[in-house]
Amino acid sequence: MKSVYVSGSNYFNNEDLQEMINYLEKGIAIDVGIDCIGHMRNNMTQEEYKKALIEHFGDRLDVTLHEGVCSYNYSYRLNDNR
């Protein structure tokens, strides 16, 4: 499945979260990137978005972890098999 890149800026914010929600609700998978220097900040912000998206979509959300050496990111899509 094709996905789009969505920036989560360098801190959790509701505007970027809403953009992520909008793409997912349209059936578009997303890859979330955090625009920061520093692995810890990236990882903390990734987790904040993951938590918020899970709270919003519940078990409809498929989450894929893309591991790196020191930092990581997630891809998301909605699961139609409820």
Protein backbone atom coordinates (compact mmCIF):
# COMPACT_ATOMS: atom_id res chain seq x y z
CA MET A 1 0.00 0.00 0.00
CA LYS A 2 1.30 3.43 -0.92
CA SER A 3 1.71 5.94 1.89
CA VAL A 4 2.38 9.63 2.33
CA TYR A 5 4.93 11.28 4.57
CA VAL A 6 3.48 13.48 7.31
CA SER A 7 5.67 15.73 9.42
CA GLY A 8 5.06 15.72 13.15
CA SER A 9 7.22 18.86 13.45
CA ASN A 10 9.69 18.67 16.32
CA TYR A 11 7.08 18.40 19.07
CA PHE A 12 3.59 16.95 19.46
CA ASN A 13 0.90 19.35 18.30
CA ASN A 14 -2.77 19.07 17.44
CA GLU A 15 -2.46 20.55 13.94
CA ASP A 16 -0.10 17.80 12.77
CA LEU A 17 -2.16 15.19 14.60
CA GLN A 18 -5.30 16.36 12.78
CA GLU A 19 -3.49 16.15 9.43
CA MET A 20 -2.56 12.54 10.25
CA ILE A 21 -6.15 11.75 11.23
CA ASN A 22 -7.48 13.32 8.03
CA TYR A 23 -5.23 11.20 5.81
CA LEU A 24 -6.09 8.02 7.69
CA GLU A 25 -9.83 8.73 7.56
CA LYS A 26 -9.50 9.11 3.76
CA GLY A 27 -7.94 5.63 3.60
CA ILE A 28 -4.41 6.91 3.00
CA ALA A 29 -1.57 5.23 4.90
CA ILE A 30 0.97 7.57 6.51
CA ASP A 31 4.62 7.53 7.57
CA VAL A 32 5.31 9.97 10.40
CA GLY A 33 8.58 11.86 10.54
CA ILE A 34 9.78 14.16 13.29
CA ASP A 35 11.78 17.22 12.25
CA CYS A 36 14.40 17.35 14.96
CA ILE A 37 18.01 16.66 15.75
CA GLY A 38 18.24 14.14 18.53
CA HIS A 39 17.14 10.57 18.84
CA MET A 40 15.47 10.91 22.22
CA ARG A 41 13.28 13.82 21.09
CA ASN A 42 12.28 11.89 17.96
CA ASN A 43 11.38 8.77 19.92
CA MET A 44 9.43 10.66 22.58
CA THR A 45 7.44 12.58 19.96
CA GLN A 46 6.80 9.42 17.92
CA GLU A 47 5.30 7.82 21.04
CA GLU A 48 3.06 10.82 21.73
CA TYR A 49 1.58 10.66 18.23
CA LYS A 50 1.22 6.88 18.43
CA LYS A 51 -0.69 7.15 21.71
CA ALA A 52 -2.99 9.88 20.36
CA LEU A 53 -3.72 7.96 17.15
CA ILE A 54 -4.48 4.77 19.08
CA GLU A 55 -6.80 6.72 21.39
CA HIS A 56 -8.59 8.17 18.35
CA PHE A 57 -8.87 5.03 16.18
CA GLY A 58 -8.57 2.18 18.67
CA ASP A 59 -8.20 -1.28 17.17
CA ARG A 60 -8.91 0.03 13.67
CA LEU A 61 -5.33 1.32 13.53
CA ASP A 62 -2.50 -0.81 12.17
CA VAL A 63 0.89 0.37 13.42
CA THR A 64 4.22 -0.66 11.88
CA LEU A 65 7.49 0.09 13.61
CA HIS A 66 10.52 0.99 11.48
CA GLU A 67 13.52 0.50 13.73
CA GLY A 68 16.75 2.41 13.41
CA VAL A 69 20.03 2.25 15.27
CA CYS A 70 19.10 4.93 17.83
CA SER A 71 15.74 6.25 16.69
CA TYR A 72 12.68 4.93 14.92
CA ASN A 73 9.44 5.90 13.25
CA TYR A 74 6.00 4.44 12.67
CA SER A 75 3.71 3.89 9.72
CA TYR A 76 -0.04 3.82 10.19
CA ARG A 77 -3.05 2.66 8.22
CA LEU A 78 -6.63 1.87 9.07
CA ASN A 79 -7.58 -1.77 9.18
CA ASP A 80 -10.82 -2.51 7.38
CA ASN A 81 -11.13 -5.94 9.01
CA ARG A 82 -13.06 -4.99 12.15
